[in-house]
Amino acid sequence: MGSFSIWHWLIVLLIVVMVFGTKKLKNIGSDLGGAVKGFKDGMKDGGATADDKPASQVTQSQPATEKTTIDVEAKTKG
């Protein structure tokens, strides 16, 4: 009584296909696969330090003397 037979799972699968359609289920599967692949790639990259990365992936920080804001005076009409 605790487990379902193969016929129960086939009926559930049939209902899911009827509700969502095969095209939407295919899109959901590919999106889920892409998300899992991105997560795995992120986990691999997250464990690497800056010394392990190639020089093209290491970003250079901006020098402290460079200004990143612009001072502007507002002129009033009078």
PDB file of N, CA and C in Angstrom:
ATOM      1  N   MET A   1       0.817  -1.189   0.000  1.00  0.00           N
ATOM      2  CA  MET A   1       0.000   0.000   0.000  1.00  0.00           C
ATOM      3  C   MET A   1       0.860   1.251   0.000  1.00  0.00           C
ATOM      4  N   GLY A   2       2.091   1.197   0.499  1.00  0.00           N
ATOM      5  CA  GLY A   2       2.927   2.380   0.620  1.00  0.00           C
ATOM      6  C   GLY A   2       3.538   2.838  -0.690  1.00  0.00           C
ATOM      7  N   SER A   3       3.801   1.935  -1.622  1.00  0.00           N
ATOM      8  CA  SER A   3       4.454   2.346  -2.866  1.00  0.00           C
ATOM      9  C   SER A   3       3.457   2.311  -4.018  1.00  0.00           C
ATOM     10  N   PHE A   4       3.785   3.078  -5.039  1.00  0.00           N
ATOM     11  CA  PHE A   4       2.934   3.127  -6.222  1.00  0.00           C
ATOM     12  C   PHE A   4       3.426   2.123  -7.255  1.00  0.00           C
ATOM     13  N   SER A   5       2.515   1.599  -8.031  1.00  0.00           N
ATOM     14  CA  SER A   5       2.896   0.676  -9.085  1.00  0.00           C
ATOM     15  C   SER A   5       3.259   1.483 -10.340  1.00  0.00           C
ATOM     16  N   ILE A   6       3.726   0.803 -11.357  1.00  0.00           N
ATOM     17  CA  ILE A   6       4.102   1.458 -12.604  1.00  0.00           C
ATOM     18  C   ILE A   6       2.902   2.120 -13.258  1.00  0.00           C
ATOM     19  N   TRP A   7       1.720   1.549 -13.066  1.00  0.00           N
ATOM     20  CA  TRP A   7       0.518   2.119 -13.674  1.00  0.00           C
ATOM     21  C   TRP A   7       0.168   3.466 -13.055  1.00  0.00           C
ATOM     22  N   HIS A   8       0.391   3.623 -11.774  1.00  0.00           N
ATOM     23  CA  HIS A   8       0.146   4.916 -11.129  1.00  0.00           C
ATOM     24  C   HIS A   8       1.065   5.985 -11.716  1.00  0.00           C
ATOM     25  N   TRP A   9       2.351   5.650 -11.878  1.00  0.00           N
ATOM     26  CA  TRP A   9       3.310   6.618 -12.417  1.00  0.00           C
ATOM     27  C   TRP A   9       3.017   6.952 -13.875  1.00  0.00           C
ATOM     28  N   LEU A  10       2.558   5.972 -14.657  1.00  0.00           N
ATOM     29  CA  LEU A  10       2.198   6.243 -16.052  1.00  0.00           C
ATOM     30  C   LEU A  10       0.989   7.164 -16.156  1.00  0.00           C
ATOM     31  N   ILE A  11       0.025   6.989 -15.273  1.00  0.00           N
ATOM     32  CA  ILE A  11      -1.144   7.875 -15.270  1.00  0.00           C
ATOM     33  C   ILE A  11      -0.745   9.287 -14.860  1.00  0.00           C
ATOM     34  N   VAL A  12       0.105   9.423 -13.866  1.00  0.00           N
ATOM     35  CA  VAL A  12       0.593  10.739 -13.445  1.00  0.00           C
ATOM     36  C   VAL A  12       1.362  11.403 -14.587  1.00  0.00           C
ATOM     37  N   LEU A  13       2.210  10.646 -15.268  1.00  0.00           N
ATOM     38  CA  LEU A  13       2.968  11.181 -16.396  1.00  0.00           C
ATOM     39  C   LEU A  13       2.045  11.632 -17.518  1.00  0.00           C
ATOM     40  N   LEU A  14       1.026  10.863 -17.814  1.00  0.00           N
ATOM     41  CA  LEU A  14       0.063  11.214 -18.845  1.00  0.00           C
ATOM     42  C   LEU A  14      -0.675  12.508 -18.498  1.00  0.00           C
ATOM     43  N   ILE A  15      -1.061  12.660 -17.255  1.00  0.00           N
ATOM     44  CA  ILE A  15      -1.755  13.881 -16.825  1.00  0.00           C
ATOM     45  C   ILE A  15      -0.838  15.093 -16.918  1.00  0.00           C
ATOM     46  N   VAL A  16       0.420  14.934 -16.524  1.00  0.00           N
ATOM     47  CA  VAL A  16       1.383  16.042 -16.599  1.00  0.00           C
ATOM     48  C   VAL A  16       1.603  16.457 -18.051  1.00  0.00           C
ATOM     49  N   VAL A  17       1.733  15.495 -18.960  1.00  0.00           N
ATOM     50  CA  VAL A  17       1.917  15.806 -20.375  1.00  0.00           C
ATOM     51  C   VAL A  17       0.682  16.500 -20.928  1.00  0.00           C
ATOM     52  N   MET A  18      -0.490  16.073 -20.515  1.00  0.00           N
ATOM     53  CA  MET A  18      -1.721  16.693 -20.997  1.00  0.00           C
ATOM     54  C   MET A  18      -1.861  18.129 -20.480  1.00  0.00           C
ATOM     55  N   VAL A  19      -1.439  18.384 -19.265  1.00  0.00           N
ATOM     56  CA  VAL A  19      -1.578  19.723 -18.682  1.00  0.00           C
ATOM     57  C   VAL A  19      -0.545  20.681 -19.264  1.00  0.00           C
ATOM     58  N   PHE A  20       0.712  20.285 -19.315  1.00  0.00           N
ATOM     59  CA  PHE A  20       1.777  21.189 -19.729  1.00  0.00           C
ATOM     60  C   PHE A  20       2.100  21.105 -21.214  1.00  0.00           C
ATOM     61  N   GLY A  21       1.923  19.981 -21.834  1.00  0.00           N
ATOM     62  CA  GLY A  21       2.298  19.816 -23.229  1.00  0.00           C
ATOM     63  C   GLY A  21       3.759  19.428 -23.351  1.00  0.00           C
ATOM     64  N   THR A  22       4.092  18.781 -24.461  1.00  0.00           N
ATOM     65  CA  THR A  22       5.452  18.275 -24.618  1.00  0.00           C
ATOM     66  C   THR A  22       6.453  19.386 -24.875  1.00  0.00           C
ATOM     67  N   LYS A  23       6.045  20.452 -25.579  1.00  0.00           N
ATOM     68  CA  LYS A  23       6.983  21.538 -25.882  1.00  0.00           C
ATOM     69  C   LYS A  23       7.403  22.266 -24.608  1.00  0.00           C
ATOM     70  N   LYS A  24       6.458  22.550 -23.736  1.00  0.00           N
ATOM     71  CA  LYS A  24       6.791  23.242 -22.494  1.00  0.00           C
ATOM     72  C   LYS A  24       7.640  22.358 -21.588  1.00  0.00           C
ATOM     73  N   LEU A  25       7.346  21.062 -21.557  1.00  0.00           N
ATOM     74  CA  LEU A  25       8.153  20.145 -20.753  1.00  0.00           C
ATOM     75  C   LEU A  25       9.584  20.062 -21.280  1.00  0.00           C
ATOM     76  N   LYS A  26       9.747  20.107 -22.615  1.00  0.00           N
ATOM     77  CA  LYS A  26      11.086  20.092 -23.209  1.00  0.00           C
ATOM     78  C   LYS A  26      11.846  21.355 -22.820  1.00  0.00           C
ATOM     79  N   ASN A  27      11.171  22.511 -22.854  1.00  0.00           N
ATOM     80  CA  ASN A  27      11.818  23.770 -22.472  1.00  0.00           C
ATOM     81  C   ASN A  27      12.203  23.770 -20.997  1.00  0.00           C
ATOM     82  N   ILE A  28      11.334  23.231 -20.163  1.00  0.00           N
ATOM     83  CA  ILE A  28      11.639  23.161 -18.734  1.00  0.00           C
ATOM     84  C   ILE A  28      12.852  22.263 -18.494  1.00  0.00           C
ATOM     85  N   GLY A  29      12.906  21.143 -19.214  1.00  0.00           N
ATOM     86  CA  GLY A  29      14.044  20.229 -19.060  1.00  0.00           C
ATOM     87  C   GLY A  29      15.351  20.851 -19.499  1.00  0.00           C
ATOM     88  N   SER A  30      15.328  21.573 -20.615  1.00  0.00           N
ATOM     89  CA  SER A  30      16.566  22.198 -21.084  1.00  0.00           C
ATOM     90  C   SER A  30      16.985  23.349 -20.172  1.00  0.00           C
ATOM     91  N   ASP A  31      16.022  24.107 -19.647  1.00  0.00           N
ATOM     92  CA  ASP A  31      16.357  25.174 -18.699  1.00  0.00           C
ATOM     93  C   ASP A  31      16.946  24.607 -17.414  1.00  0.00           C
ATOM     94  N   LEU A  32      16.368  23.519 -16.945  1.00  0.00           N
ATOM     95  CA  LEU A  32      16.881  22.885 -15.732  1.00  0.00           C
ATOM     96  C   LEU A  32      18.288  22.326 -15.950  1.00  0.00           C
ATOM     97  N   GLY A  33      18.512  21.724 -17.113  1.00  0.00           N
ATOM     98  CA  GLY A  33      19.840  21.207 -17.429  1.00  0.00           C
ATOM     99  C   GLY A  33      20.872  22.320 -17.526  1.00  0.00           C
ATOM    100  N   GLY A  34      20.498  23.453 -18.123  1.00  0.00           N
ATOM    101  CA  GLY A  34      21.409  24.591 -18.210  1.00  0.00           C
ATOM    102  C   GLY A  34      21.727  25.172 -16.845  1.00  0.00           C
ATOM    103  N   ALA A  35      20.719  25.197 -15.971  1.00  0.00           N
ATOM    104  CA  ALA A  35      20.948  25.713 -14.622  1.00  0.00           C
ATOM    105  C   ALA A  35      21.896  24.805 -13.838  1.00  0.00           C
ATOM    106  N   VAL A  36      21.730  23.501 -13.977  1.00  0.00           N
ATOM    107  CA  VAL A  36      22.613  22.559 -13.285  1.00  0.00           C
ATOM    108  C   VAL A  36      24.034  22.680 -13.816  1.00  0.00           C
ATOM    109  N   LYS A  37      24.180  22.823 -15.145  1.00  0.00           N
ATOM    110  CA  LYS A  37      25.508  22.970 -15.736  1.00  0.00           C
ATOM    111  C   LYS A  37      26.175  24.263 -15.264  1.00  0.00           C
ATOM    112  N   GLY A  38      25.402  25.351 -15.217  1.00  0.00           N
ATOM    113  CA  GLY A  38      25.939  26.616 -14.719  1.00  0.00           C
ATOM    114  C   GLY A  38      26.351  26.534 -13.260  1.00  0.00           C
ATOM    115  N   PHE A  39      25.574  25.813 -12.468  1.00  0.00           N
ATOM    116  CA  PHE A  39      25.917  25.637 -11.062  1.00  0.00           C
ATOM    117  C   PHE A  39      27.208  24.856 -10.905  1.00  0.00           C
ATOM    118  N   LYS A  40      27.364  23.792 -11.688  1.00  0.00           N
ATOM    119  CA  LYS A  40      28.590  22.994 -11.611  1.00  0.00           C
ATOM    120  C   LYS A  40      29.802  23.816 -12.041  1.00  0.00           C
ATOM    121  N   ASP A  41      29.662  24.606 -13.110  1.00  0.00           N
ATOM    122  CA  ASP A  41      30.767  25.461 -13.554  1.00  0.00           C
ATOM    123  C   ASP A  41      31.104  26.498 -12.498  1.00  0.00           C
ATOM    124  N   GLY A  42      30.087  27.037 -11.851  1.00  0.00           N
ATOM    125  CA  GLY A  42      30.322  28.012 -10.792  1.00  0.00           C
ATOM    126  C   GLY A  42      31.034  27.401  -9.595  1.00  0.00           C
ATOM    127  N   MET A  43      30.701  26.165  -9.290  1.00  0.00           N
ATOM    128  CA  MET A  43      31.365  25.500  -8.175  1.00  0.00           C
ATOM    129  C   MET A  43      32.833  25.226  -8.505  1.00  0.00           C
ATOM    130  N   LYS A  44      33.115  24.894  -9.755  1.00  0.00           N
ATOM    131  CA  LYS A  44      34.508  24.666 -10.156  1.00  0.00           C
ATOM    132  C   LYS A  44      35.294  25.972 -10.106  1.00  0.00           C
ATOM    133  N   ASP A  45      34.721  27.062 -10.609  1.00  0.00           N
ATOM    134  CA  ASP A  45      35.400  28.350 -10.632  1.00  0.00           C
ATOM    135  C   ASP A  45      35.504  28.951  -9.239  1.00  0.00           C
ATOM    136  N   GLY A  46      34.546  28.681  -8.380  1.00  0.00           N
ATOM    137  CA  GLY A  46      34.558  29.236  -7.031  1.00  0.00           C
ATOM    138  C   GLY A  46      35.674  28.670  -6.180  1.00  0.00           C
ATOM    139  N   GLY A  47      36.109  27.459  -6.433  1.00  0.00           N
ATOM    140  CA  GLY A  47      37.166  26.837  -5.643  1.00  0.00           C
ATOM    141  C   GLY A  47      38.553  27.266  -6.081  1.00  0.00           C
ATOM    142  N   ALA A  48      38.669  27.860  -7.271  1.00  0.00           N
ATOM    143  CA  ALA A  48      39.971  28.276  -7.780  1.00  0.00           C
ATOM    144  C   ALA A  48      40.358  29.631  -7.200  1.00  0.00           C
ATOM    145  N   THR A  49      41.643  29.810  -6.911  1.00  0.00           N
ATOM    146  CA  THR A  49      42.131  31.097  -6.422  1.00  0.00           C
ATOM    147  C   THR A  49      42.609  31.936  -7.592  1.00  0.00           C
ATOM    148  N   ALA A  50      43.019  33.154  -7.328  1.00  0.00           N
ATOM    149  CA  ALA A  50      43.494  34.048  -8.378  1.00  0.00           C
ATOM    150  C   ALA A  50      44.782  33.517  -9.010  1.00  0.00           C
ATOM    151  N   ASP A  51      45.590  32.778  -8.244  1.00  0.00           N
ATOM    152  CA  ASP A  51      46.830  32.229  -8.783  1.00  0.00           C
ATOM    153  C   ASP A  51      46.561  31.100  -9.773  1.00  0.00           C
ATOM    154  N   ASP A  52      45.454  30.396  -9.590  1.00  0.00           N
ATOM    155  CA  ASP A  52      45.128  29.277 -10.462  1.00  0.00           C
ATOM    156  C   ASP A  52      44.530  29.718 -11.793  1.00  0.00           C
ATOM    157  N   LYS A  53      43.956  30.933 -11.858  1.00  0.00           N
ATOM    158  CA  LYS A  53      43.288  31.403 -13.063  1.00  0.00           C
ATOM    159  C   LYS A  53      44.302  31.910 -14.075  1.00  0.00           C
ATOM    160  N   PRO A  54      43.990  31.779 -15.365  1.00  0.00           N
ATOM    161  CA  PRO A  54      44.859  32.363 -16.384  1.00  0.00           C
ATOM    162  C   PRO A  54      44.867  33.883 -16.270  1.00  0.00           C
ATOM    163  N   ALA A  55      45.877  34.506 -16.852  1.00  0.00           N
ATOM    164  CA  ALA A  55      46.032  35.953 -16.752  1.00  0.00           C
ATOM    165  C   ALA A  55      44.861  36.697 -17.382  1.00  0.00           C
ATOM    166  N   SER A  56      44.192  36.115 -18.369  1.00  0.00           N
ATOM    167  CA  SER A  56      43.077  36.795 -19.014  1.00  0.00           C
ATOM    168  C   SER A  56      41.858  36.876 -18.101  1.00  0.00           C
ATOM    169  N   GLN A  57      41.738  36.005 -17.110  1.00  0.00           N
ATOM    170  CA  GLN A  57      40.589  36.022 -16.222  1.00  0.00           C
ATOM    171  C   GLN A  57      40.820  36.866 -14.986  1.00  0.00           C
ATOM    172  N   VAL A  58      42.060  37.204 -14.670  1.00  0.00           N
ATOM    173  CA  VAL A  58      42.356  38.001 -13.496  1.00  0.00           C
ATOM    174  C   VAL A  58      42.141  39.461 -13.859  1.00  0.00           C
ATOM    175  N   THR A  59      41.281  40.166 -13.098  1.00  0.00           N
ATOM    176  CA  THR A  59      40.969  41.561 -13.394  1.00  0.00           C
ATOM    177  C   THR A  59      41.901  42.472 -12.608  1.00  0.00           C
ATOM    178  N   GLN A  60      42.232  43.572 -13.216  1.00  0.00           N
ATOM    179  CA  GLN A  60      43.077  44.564 -12.579  1.00  0.00           C
ATOM    180  C   GLN A  60      42.196  45.611 -11.916  1.00  0.00           C
ATOM    181  N   SER A  61      42.540  46.008 -10.682  1.00  0.00           N
ATOM    182  CA  SER A  61      41.761  47.029  -9.996  1.00  0.00           C
ATOM    183  C   SER A  61      42.219  48.408 -10.470  1.00  0.00           C
ATOM    184  N   GLN A  62      41.317  49.393 -10.334  1.00  0.00           N
ATOM    185  CA  GLN A  62      41.634  50.754 -10.766  1.00  0.00           C
ATOM    186  C   GLN A  62      42.592  51.386  -9.769  1.00  0.00           C
ATOM    187  N   PRO A  63      43.491  52.243 -10.258  1.00  0.00           N
ATOM    188  CA  PRO A  63      44.391  52.932  -9.342  1.00  0.00           C
ATOM    189  C   PRO A  63      43.611  53.847  -8.409  1.00  0.00           C
ATOM    190  N   ALA A  64      44.114  54.050  -7.203  1.00  0.00           N
ATOM    191  CA  ALA A  64      43.410  54.851  -6.204  1.00  0.00           C
ATOM    192  C   ALA A  64      43.414  56.333  -6.572  1.00  0.00           C
ATOM    193  N   THR A  65      44.356  56.798  -7.405  1.00  0.00           N
ATOM    194  CA  THR A  65      44.444  58.211  -7.744  1.00  0.00           C
ATOM    195  C   THR A  65      43.440  58.615  -8.821  1.00  0.00           C
ATOM    196  N   GLU A  66      42.867  57.674  -9.523  1.00  0.00           N
ATOM    197  CA  GLU A  66      41.919  57.992 -10.585  1.00  0.00           C
ATOM    198  C   GLU A  66      40.570  58.364  -9.990  1.00  0.00           C
ATOM    199  N   LYS A  67      40.010  59.507 -10.445  1.00  0.00           N
ATOM    200  CA  LYS A  67      38.715  59.949  -9.947  1.00  0.00           C
ATOM    201  C   LYS A  67      37.611  59.219 -10.706  1.00  0.00           C
ATOM    202  N   THR A  68      36.624  58.789  -9.976  1.00  0.00           N
ATOM    203  CA  THR A  68      35.504  58.112 -10.609  1.00  0.00           C
ATOM    204  C   THR A  68      34.243  58.954 -10.598  1.00  0.00           C
ATOM    205  N   THR A  69      34.283  60.139  -9.960  1.00  0.00           N
ATOM    206  CA  THR A  69      33.128  61.023  -9.946  1.00  0.00           C
ATOM    207  C   THR A  69      33.469  62.336 -10.634  1.00  0.00           C
ATOM    208  N   ILE A  70      32.456  63.033 -11.074  1.00  0.00           N
ATOM    209  CA  ILE A  70      32.634  64.316 -11.750  1.00  0.00           C
ATOM    210  C   ILE A  70      31.923  65.388 -10.923  1.00  0.00           C
ATOM    211  N   ASP A  71      32.638  66.463 -10.621  1.00  0.00           N
ATOM    212  CA  ASP A  71      32.039  67.578  -9.899  1.00  0.00           C
ATOM    213  C   ASP A  71      31.407  68.528 -10.911  1.00  0.00           C
ATOM    214  N   VAL A  72      30.144  68.892 -10.659  1.00  0.00           N
ATOM    215  CA  VAL A  72      29.417  69.772 -11.569  1.00  0.00           C
ATOM    216  C   VAL A  72      28.747  70.855 -10.756  1.00  0.00           C
ATOM    217  N   GLU A  73      28.839  72.106 -11.248  1.00  0.00           N
ATOM    218  CA  GLU A  73      28.143  73.208 -10.598  1.00  0.00           C
ATOM    219  C   GLU A  73      26.860  73.471 -11.357  1.00  0.00           C
ATOM    220  N   ALA A  74      25.783  73.653 -10.622  1.00  0.00           N
ATOM    221  CA  ALA A  74      24.493  73.929 -11.250  1.00  0.00           C
ATOM    222  C   ALA A  74      24.356  75.429 -11.440  1.00  0.00           C
ATOM    223  N   LYS A  75      23.929  75.833 -12.623  1.00  0.00           N
ATOM    224  CA  LYS A  75      23.684  77.237 -12.917  1.00  0.00           C
ATOM    225  C   LYS A  75      22.188  77.508 -12.814  1.00  0.00           C
ATOM    226  N   THR A  76      21.823  78.591 -12.178  1.00  0.00           N
ATOM    227  CA  THR A  76      20.414  78.926 -12.043  1.00  0.00           C
ATOM    228  C   THR A  76      20.049  79.996 -13.062  1.00  0.00           C
ATOM    229  N   LYS A  77      18.838  79.925 -13.560  1.00  0.00           N
ATOM    230  CA  LYS A  77      18.351  80.952 -14.484  1.00  0.00           C
ATOM    231  C   LYS A  77      17.826  82.100 -13.645  1.00  0.00           C
ATOM    232  N   GLY A  78      18.142  83.285 -14.053  1.00  0.00           N
ATOM    233  CA  GLY A  78      17.677  84.403 -13.228  1.00  0.00           C
ATOM    234  C   GLY A  78      17.323  85.624 -13.948  1.00  0.00           C
TER     235      GLY A  78
END
